Amino acid sequence: MPRRGWTIAVAGALLGGCARTPAAPAPAVRVDGSPGVMPLAAALGLAYEARHPGARVAMGAGLGTFARLAALAEGRIDVALASQGVDAAALAGQGLAAHEVAKAAVVFAALAAVGVSGLTSRQLCDAYAGLLTSWRALGGPAQPIAPRTRPPGEVDGDVATAGVPCLRDAASAGGVRAIERPEAMAEELATTPGALGMTSLPFVERSGGRLRALAREAGAPTADAVRAGRYPLVRRSLLLARAASPAHVARFLAFVRSAEGARVIAAGGAVPVR
């Protein structure tokens, strides 16, 4: 082959090889924060990865309020999950923004096997105070009621006691056990016979029918009731991110706020906020 033809062929091969070189994968979207929002964020992450092959959403193990904000401000995570204590003005001063994406009902739940569909506020408080001790008195089996609560400062517990004021004293009774993390509460309710406790509806939905959310005077915690404000016990789900997020983070946030993201949120037992 003449030298000129050989040179062109080699250059073409090199250029062709460069053209076939796969692009570097996008960085993972690093998400961490409120354990109560984790299940929803994880479901959104899986749906996003399925919709965008090659994209990755890396979920953390849970961070408290100050730790999550510090991690976000320092660039160790891209999205911080939160439910309360969010000061939009203070975040803006740090170059951060809050995106409220969902609302979820906080409910009192028990094993569906107890056969009880609802409790009044008075019955709840009597159960936590030790004045009501058996599910039989509520139409269920002859089984002791084992009340469980969340520690002060935890969202589900704070929302529940704000909506049922008589619980503030009743839940501190000696027979009431506090459960630290939301996923541990869901596990406790699903595995402890007679357990009664507060959790959020997405955890009930994930139980596959094992748990039942107990209706109260305000009615059942349906999506319509939460959306219309008729059901008062609600926790917010917020995604905090840098106001000028990198492209791969902005794409994930856009997916969460899209119609497809709304379907994922609704399937998880929460109400989308768009």
Protein backbone atom coordinates (compact mmCIF):
# COMPACT_ATOMS: atom_id res chain seq x y z
CA MET A 1 0.00 0.00 0.00
CA PRO A 2 1.40 3.45 -0.83
CA ARG A 3 2.57 5.34 2.21
CA ARG A 4 -0.18 7.98 1.85
CA GLY A 5 -2.90 5.30 1.68
CA TRP A 6 -1.41 3.51 4.72
CA THR A 7 -1.39 6.78 6.71
CA ILE A 8 -5.02 7.49 5.89
CA ALA A 9 -6.04 3.95 6.83
CA VAL A 10 -4.27 4.13 10.19
CA ALA A 11 -5.75 7.56 10.96
CA GLY A 12 -9.20 6.26 10.05
CA ALA A 13 -8.77 3.27 12.34
CA LEU A 14 -7.64 5.48 15.21
CA LEU A 15 -10.51 7.88 14.73
CA GLY A 16 -12.95 4.98 14.47
CA GLY A 17 -11.57 3.54 17.71
CA CYS A 18 -12.01 6.87 19.44
CA ALA A 19 -15.57 7.11 18.22
CA ARG A 20 -16.37 3.72 19.74
CA THR A 21 -14.89 4.53 23.14
CA PRO A 22 -17.82 4.59 25.63
CA ALA A 23 -18.44 7.84 27.41
CA ALA A 24 -17.53 7.97 31.09
CA PRO A 25 -20.54 7.11 33.28
CA ALA A 26 -22.26 9.98 35.03
CA PRO A 27 -21.45 10.30 38.74
CA ALA A 28 -23.85 8.72 41.19
CA VAL A 29 -26.48 10.93 42.81
CA ARG A 30 -25.59 10.59 46.50
CA VAL A 31 -28.69 10.69 48.73
CA ASP A 32 -28.87 10.59 52.54
CA GLY A 33 -30.85 12.07 55.41
CA SER A 34 -34.12 11.43 57.20
CA PRO A 35 -34.69 7.65 57.61
CA GLY A 36 -38.43 8.28 57.39
CA VAL A 37 -38.07 9.56 53.81
CA MET A 38 -35.59 6.84 52.79
CA PRO A 39 -38.10 4.26 51.48
CA LEU A 40 -39.71 6.82 49.18
CA ALA A 41 -36.34 8.14 47.97
CA ALA A 42 -35.07 4.59 47.38
CA ALA A 43 -38.14 3.74 45.27
CA LEU A 44 -37.62 6.92 43.24
CA GLY A 45 -33.95 6.05 42.82
CA LEU A 46 -34.72 2.57 41.48
CA ALA A 47 -37.32 3.95 39.06
CA TYR A 48 -34.87 6.62 37.86
CA GLU A 49 -32.15 4.03 37.25
CA ALA A 50 -34.61 1.87 35.30
CA ARG A 51 -35.70 4.85 33.22
CA HIS A 52 -32.10 6.01 32.59
CA PRO A 53 -29.74 3.04 32.09
CA GLY A 54 -26.28 3.90 33.34
CA ALA A 55 -27.56 6.41 35.92
CA ARG A 56 -26.93 5.58 39.56
CA VAL A 57 -28.53 6.73 42.81
CA ALA A 58 -26.49 5.83 45.90
CA MET A 59 -28.54 5.71 49.11
CA GLY A 60 -26.92 6.37 52.50
CA ALA A 61 -27.79 4.86 55.86
CA GLY A 62 -29.56 7.87 57.38
CA LEU A 63 -28.36 11.17 58.85
CA GLY A 64 -29.75 13.50 61.52
CA THR A 65 -30.74 17.09 60.86
CA PHE A 66 -27.39 18.80 61.40
CA ALA A 67 -25.34 15.98 59.88
CA ARG A 68 -27.38 15.92 56.66
CA LEU A 69 -27.11 19.69 56.16
CA ALA A 70 -23.38 19.64 56.84
CA ALA A 71 -22.89 16.77 54.39
CA LEU A 72 -24.84 18.63 51.72
CA ALA A 73 -23.08 21.96 52.29
CA GLU A 74 -19.67 20.25 52.21
CA GLY A 75 -20.45 18.34 49.01
CA ARG A 76 -20.32 14.87 50.55
CA ILE A 77 -23.88 14.19 49.37
CA ASP A 78 -25.95 15.66 46.54
CA VAL A 79 -29.46 15.37 48.01
CA ALA A 80 -30.44 15.55 51.68
CA LEU A 81 -33.78 14.09 52.79
CA ALA A 82 -35.85 15.96 55.38
CA SER A 83 -39.34 16.08 56.88
CA GLN A 84 -39.30 19.07 59.21
CA GLY A 85 -37.10 21.82 60.60
CA VAL A 86 -36.46 23.27 57.14
CA ASP A 87 -35.87 27.03 56.99
CA ALA A 88 -36.09 27.95 53.30
CA ALA A 89 -34.55 31.41 53.82
CA ALA A 90 -31.59 30.02 55.76
CA LEU A 91 -31.04 27.37 53.08
CA ALA A 92 -31.11 30.00 50.34
CA GLY A 93 -28.41 31.92 52.19
CA GLN A 94 -26.21 28.83 51.90
CA GLY A 95 -26.93 28.35 48.21
CA LEU A 96 -29.30 25.46 48.92
CA ALA A 97 -32.93 24.86 47.96
CA ALA A 98 -35.75 22.72 49.37
CA HIS A 99 -38.01 20.72 47.06
CA GLU A 100 -41.16 19.37 48.74
CA VAL A 101 -42.10 16.29 46.72
CA ALA A 102 -44.64 14.39 48.83
CA LYS A 103 -46.87 14.25 51.86
CA ALA A 104 -47.50 11.05 53.77
CA ALA A 105 -50.09 10.24 56.40
CA VAL A 106 -48.78 9.42 59.87
CA VAL A 107 -50.93 6.60 61.19
CA PHE A 108 -51.43 4.35 64.17
CA ALA A 109 -50.99 0.80 62.96
CA ALA A 110 -51.22 -2.77 64.18
CA LEU A 111 -51.19 -6.25 62.70
CA ALA A 112 -54.15 -6.71 60.38
CA ALA A 113 -54.76 -10.00 62.20
CA VAL A 114 -56.11 -8.17 65.29
CA GLY A 115 -59.20 -7.40 63.22
CA VAL A 116 -59.64 -3.82 64.45
CA SER A 117 -60.17 -1.13 61.81
CA GLY A 118 -60.17 2.04 63.89
CA LEU A 119 -59.63 3.64 67.28
CA THR A 120 -60.83 6.91 68.77
CA SER A 121 -58.32 9.34 70.24
CA ARG A 122 -59.59 8.44 73.71
CA GLN A 123 -59.04 4.73 73.09
CA LEU A 124 -55.53 5.42 71.82
CA CYS A 125 -54.64 7.43 74.89
CA ASP A 126 -56.15 4.83 77.23
CA ALA A 127 -54.13 2.12 75.49
CA TYR A 128 -50.90 4.10 75.90
CA ALA A 129 -51.73 4.99 79.51
CA GLY A 130 -52.32 1.33 80.40
CA LEU A 131 -56.05 1.81 81.05
CA LEU A 132 -57.00 -0.26 78.01
CA THR A 133 -54.95 -3.46 77.99
CA SER A 134 -56.59 -5.99 75.65
CA TRP A 135 -57.59 -5.92 71.99
CA ARG A 136 -60.75 -7.80 73.02
CA ALA A 137 -62.20 -4.56 74.45
CA LEU A 138 -61.87 -3.10 70.93
CA GLY A 139 -63.47 -6.00 69.12
CA GLY A 140 -60.28 -7.95 68.55
CA PRO A 141 -58.78 -11.10 70.08
CA ALA A 142 -58.00 -11.68 73.75
CA GLN A 143 -54.47 -10.39 73.27
CA PRO A 144 -52.58 -7.77 75.30
CA ILE A 145 -52.04 -4.39 73.65
CA ALA A 146 -48.32 -3.63 73.42
CA PRO A 147 -48.04 0.15 72.83
CA ARG A 148 -44.94 1.51 71.06
CA THR A 149 -43.89 5.13 70.54
CA ARG A 150 -41.08 7.15 68.95
CA PRO A 151 -38.59 9.26 70.95
CA PRO A 152 -39.21 13.02 71.28
CA GLY A 153 -37.94 14.91 68.26
CA GLU A 154 -38.72 12.10 65.81
CA VAL A 155 -41.19 13.17 63.13
CA ASP A 156 -43.81 10.43 63.35
CA GLY A 157 -44.03 10.70 67.13
CA ASP A 158 -44.13 14.49 67.11
CA VAL A 159 -46.87 14.57 64.46
CA ALA A 160 -48.91 11.94 66.32
CA THR A 161 -48.73 13.67 69.69
CA ALA A 162 -49.52 17.05 68.13
CA GLY A 163 -52.66 15.57 66.59
CA VAL A 164 -53.65 13.52 69.64
CA PRO A 165 -52.68 15.80 72.57
CA CYS A 166 -53.64 13.34 75.31
CA LEU A 167 -50.79 11.09 74.10
CA ARG A 168 -48.16 13.51 75.43
CA ASP A 169 -48.53 12.18 78.94
CA ALA A 170 -49.91 8.73 78.12
CA ALA A 171 -46.98 7.76 75.87
CA SER A 172 -44.53 8.31 78.74
CA ALA A 173 -46.19 5.60 80.83
CA GLY A 174 -43.88 2.89 82.12
CA GLY A 175 -45.20 0.14 79.82
CA VAL A 176 -44.63 2.05 76.59
CA ARG A 177 -41.47 1.17 74.68
CA ALA A 178 -39.79 3.78 72.46
CA ILE A 179 -38.50 2.64 69.06
CA GLU A 180 -35.63 4.72 67.70
CA ARG A 181 -35.84 4.40 63.91
CA PRO A 182 -38.88 4.37 61.59
CA GLU A 183 -37.91 1.14 59.85
CA ALA A 184 -37.44 -0.49 63.26
CA MET A 185 -40.94 0.62 64.26
CA ALA A 186 -42.39 -0.99 61.12
CA GLU A 187 -40.53 -4.20 61.92
CA GLU A 188 -41.69 -4.09 65.54
CA LEU A 189 -45.32 -3.68 64.52
CA ALA A 190 -45.07 -6.49 61.98
CA THR A 191 -43.41 -9.02 64.29
CA THR A 192 -44.72 -8.29 67.80
CA PRO A 193 -48.15 -9.77 68.57
CA GLY A 194 -50.51 -7.08 69.85
CA ALA A 195 -48.17 -4.17 69.07
CA LEU A 196 -49.70 -0.73 68.46
CA GLY A 197 -47.60 2.19 67.27
CA MET A 198 -47.25 5.25 65.06
CA THR A 199 -45.64 5.04 61.65
CA SER A 200 -46.12 6.55 58.20
CA LEU A 201 -48.44 5.07 55.61
CA PRO A 202 -45.65 4.12 53.14
CA PHE A 203 -44.31 1.65 55.72
CA VAL A 204 -47.79 0.15 56.07
CA GLU A 205 -48.09 -0.13 52.29
CA ARG A 206 -44.73 -1.91 52.11
CA SER A 207 -45.88 -4.55 54.61
CA GLY A 208 -47.87 -6.38 51.95
CA GLY A 209 -51.09 -6.36 53.95
CA ARG A 210 -49.52 -7.54 57.19
CA LEU A 211 -50.08 -4.16 58.87
CA ARG A 212 -53.27 -2.10 58.97
CA ALA A 213 -53.56 1.65 59.43
CA LEU A 214 -56.24 2.31 62.05
CA ALA A 215 -58.78 4.99 61.14
CA ARG A 216 -59.61 7.72 63.67
CA GLU A 217 -62.38 10.29 64.10
CA ALA A 218 -60.91 12.29 61.23
CA GLY A 219 -61.46 9.31 58.94
CA ALA A 220 -59.20 6.95 57.02
CA PRO A 221 -55.78 8.23 55.89
CA THR A 222 -56.54 8.06 52.18
CA ALA A 223 -54.64 9.98 49.53
CA ASP A 224 -57.70 12.14 48.86
CA ALA A 225 -58.04 12.97 52.57
CA VAL A 226 -54.36 13.96 52.81
CA ARG A 227 -54.54 15.99 49.60
CA ALA A 228 -57.66 17.86 50.73
CA GLY A 229 -56.34 18.46 54.24
CA ARG A 230 -59.09 16.39 55.87
CA TYR A 231 -56.61 13.99 57.44
CA PRO A 232 -54.54 16.05 59.89
CA LEU A 233 -51.58 13.80 60.73
CA VAL A 234 -49.13 14.38 57.88
CA ARG A 235 -45.38 14.36 57.44
CA ARG A 236 -43.64 16.15 54.57
CA SER A 237 -40.99 14.68 52.30
CA LEU A 238 -38.41 17.20 51.12
CA LEU A 239 -35.32 16.87 48.97
CA LEU A 240 -32.66 19.47 49.74
CA ALA A 241 -30.03 20.20 47.11
CA ARG A 242 -27.69 22.92 45.95
CA ALA A 243 -29.60 25.63 44.10
CA ALA A 244 -27.16 25.27 41.20
CA SER A 245 -26.98 21.49 41.14
CA PRO A 246 -24.75 19.57 38.71
CA ALA A 247 -26.50 18.25 35.62
CA HIS A 248 -26.79 14.65 36.83
CA VAL A 249 -28.42 15.80 40.10
CA ALA A 250 -30.76 18.22 38.30
CA ARG A 251 -31.90 15.36 36.04
CA PHE A 252 -32.78 13.22 39.05
CA LEU A 253 -34.70 16.07 40.71
CA ALA A 254 -36.59 16.70 37.46
CA PHE A 255 -37.54 13.01 37.32
CA VAL A 256 -38.85 13.14 40.90
CA ARG A 257 -41.08 16.10 40.00
CA SER A 258 -42.28 14.51 36.74
CA ALA A 259 -45.50 12.58 36.13
CA GLU A 260 -43.49 9.35 36.25
CA GLY A 261 -42.03 10.31 39.61
CA ALA A 262 -45.51 11.18 40.88
CA ARG A 263 -46.68 7.66 39.98
CA VAL A 264 -43.82 6.16 41.99
CA ILE A 265 -44.68 8.37 44.98
CA ALA A 266 -48.37 7.47 44.82
CA ALA A 267 -47.58 3.75 44.51
CA GLY A 268 -45.57 4.04 47.72
CA GLY A 269 -48.55 5.30 49.70
CA ALA A 270 -47.69 9.01 49.67
CA VAL A 271 -49.28 12.01 47.93
CA PRO A 272 -47.16 13.77 45.29
CA VAL A 273 -46.55 17.50 45.63
CA ARG A 274 -45.68 19.11 42.29
